[in-house]
Protein backbone atom coordinates (compact mmCIF):
# COMPACT_ATOMS: atom_id res chain seq x y z
CA UNK A 1 20.77 98.32 45.08
CA UNK A 2 23.30 97.03 42.63
CA UNK A 3 22.96 93.76 40.76
CA UNK A 4 25.74 92.07 42.78
CA UNK A 5 24.02 92.90 46.08
CA UNK A 6 20.80 91.23 44.94
CA UNK A 7 22.50 87.94 44.01
CA UNK A 8 24.54 87.56 47.20
CA UNK A 9 22.90 85.07 49.60
CA UNK A 10 22.08 86.30 53.06
CA UNK A 11 23.98 84.19 55.56
CA UNK A 12 23.57 85.00 59.24
CA UNK A 13 26.89 85.70 60.94
CA UNK A 14 28.38 83.05 63.21
CA UNK A 15 28.18 83.77 66.90
CA UNK A 16 31.81 84.32 67.86
CA UNK A 17 32.79 84.00 71.46
CA UNK A 18 29.83 81.89 72.53
CA UNK A 19 30.59 78.77 74.53
CA UNK A 20 28.53 75.59 74.96
CA UNK A 21 27.56 74.32 78.42
CA UNK A 22 28.83 70.75 78.87
CA UNK A 23 25.76 69.89 80.98
CA UNK A 24 22.78 71.19 78.99
CA UNK A 25 24.32 71.98 75.57
CA UNK A 26 23.07 75.59 75.42
CA UNK A 27 25.25 78.49 74.25
CA UNK A 28 26.39 81.28 76.56
CA UNK A 29 28.79 84.19 76.51
CA UNK A 30 32.11 83.53 78.25
CA UNK A 31 31.13 85.55 81.32
CA UNK A 32 27.63 84.06 81.50
CA UNK A 33 28.89 80.48 81.19
CA UNK A 34 30.98 80.86 84.33
CA UNK A 35 27.82 81.87 86.19
CA UNK A 36 25.58 79.30 84.47
CA UNK A 37 27.61 76.08 84.89
CA UNK A 38 27.46 75.75 88.72
CA UNK A 39 23.70 76.44 88.71
CA UNK A 40 23.15 74.06 85.80
CA UNK A 41 25.07 71.30 87.59
CA UNK A 42 23.08 71.92 90.78
CA UNK A 43 19.83 71.67 88.81
CA UNK A 44 21.11 68.51 87.12
CA UNK A 45 21.73 66.86 90.52
CA UNK A 46 18.27 67.84 91.79
CA UNK A 47 16.57 66.46 88.68
CA UNK A 48 18.71 63.29 88.74
CA UNK A 49 17.71 62.56 92.35
CA UNK A 50 14.02 62.73 91.38
CA UNK A 51 14.44 59.94 88.82
CA UNK A 52 13.91 56.23 89.55
CA UNK A 53 17.17 54.44 90.38
CA UNK A 54 17.41 52.71 87.02
CA UNK A 55 17.30 56.06 85.15
CA UNK A 56 19.84 57.90 87.31
CA UNK A 57 23.07 58.82 85.57
CA UNK A 58 26.57 59.59 86.83
CA UNK A 59 27.27 63.32 87.10
CA UNK A 60 28.64 64.85 83.89
CA UNK A 61 32.31 65.77 84.07
CA UNK A 62 33.90 68.72 82.35
CA UNK A 63 35.59 67.54 79.11
CA UNK A 64 39.40 67.69 78.94
CA UNK A 65 39.32 70.16 76.04
CA UNK A 66 37.75 72.67 78.43
CA UNK A 67 40.41 72.30 81.13
CA UNK A 68 43.56 71.86 78.98
CA UNK A 69 46.37 74.35 78.37
CA UNK A 70 45.95 75.73 74.82
CA UNK A 71 42.38 76.78 74.20
CA UNK A 72 40.53 76.31 70.90
CA UNK A 73 36.92 77.50 71.22
CA UNK A 74 35.65 75.24 68.42
CA UNK A 75 37.23 72.13 69.97
CA UNK A 76 35.97 73.13 73.41
CA UNK A 77 32.44 73.69 72.08
CA UNK A 78 32.46 70.35 70.28
CA UNK A 79 33.62 68.55 73.43
CA UNK A 80 31.00 70.32 75.54
CA UNK A 81 28.27 69.49 73.00
CA UNK A 82 29.28 65.80 72.95
CA UNK A 83 29.22 65.75 76.76
CA UNK A 84 25.71 67.22 76.79
CA UNK A 85 24.53 64.71 74.15
CA UNK A 86 25.87 61.84 76.28
CA UNK A 87 23.25 62.75 78.88
CA UNK A 88 20.42 61.84 76.49
CA UNK A 89 18.65 58.50 76.67
CA UNK A 90 16.82 56.82 73.75
CA UNK A 91 13.13 55.95 73.85
CA UNK A 92 12.65 52.18 73.55
CA UNK A 93 9.62 52.67 71.31
CA UNK A 94 10.69 55.27 68.75
CA UNK A 95 14.45 55.68 69.30
CA UNK A 96 14.36 59.46 69.83
CA UNK A 97 16.72 60.79 72.51
CA UNK A 98 15.66 62.75 75.58
CA UNK A 99 16.97 63.90 78.91
CA UNK A 100 15.92 61.34 81.54
CA UNK A 101 13.24 63.55 83.11
CA UNK A 102 11.76 64.31 79.67
CA UNK A 103 11.96 60.65 78.62
CA UNK A 104 9.42 59.55 81.23
CA UNK A 105 6.99 62.25 80.04
CA UNK A 106 7.53 61.24 76.40
CA UNK A 107 7.00 57.54 77.07
CA UNK A 108 3.54 58.15 78.49
CA UNK A 109 2.36 59.09 75.01
CA UNK A 110 4.76 57.08 72.80
CA UNK A 111 3.27 53.71 72.00
CA UNK A 112 5.21 50.78 70.50
CA UNK A 113 4.36 50.14 66.87
CA UNK A 114 4.65 46.37 67.13
CA UNK A 115 4.92 43.58 69.67
CA UNK A 116 8.70 43.28 69.25
CA UNK A 117 9.23 46.76 70.72
CA UNK A 118 6.84 45.98 73.57
CA UNK A 119 8.66 42.73 74.31
CA UNK A 120 12.02 44.53 74.27
CA UNK A 121 10.71 47.13 76.73
CA UNK A 122 9.48 44.39 79.07
CA UNK A 123 12.86 42.63 78.89
CA UNK A 124 14.69 45.88 79.60
CA UNK A 125 12.46 46.52 82.63
CA UNK A 126 13.07 43.00 83.91
CA UNK A 127 16.85 43.33 83.55
CA UNK A 128 16.77 46.69 85.31
CA UNK A 129 14.69 45.23 88.14
CA UNK A 130 17.09 42.33 88.57
CA UNK A 131 20.16 44.59 88.55
CA UNK A 132 18.69 47.02 91.09
């Protein structure tokens, strides 16, 4: 090996042509995404129906960048990623974000660090109960 080859950093190549699912945020090839999205949306609806009423979310809609005329894959992927991130809900105790079905599992083991967080959680539950 030459001296210049040893100094060059190894950078993994970018994954060209991969598209982000607007529902789950995972990457797929263009052909695979067309197969994945309807199944992912179906799974999303099934999981959403299992949640308590106060945790149910409106169905995600396909971002405009994915349905518009001129197509820029980076803009489309960014829009899809933002749409997937909008599905996440924060934990009232630690602030980490989860999908609603994962949030309930997380909250069983996440304990509030002080009484202020516990009080806030009780108030949130009361407001939710009143609104439902």
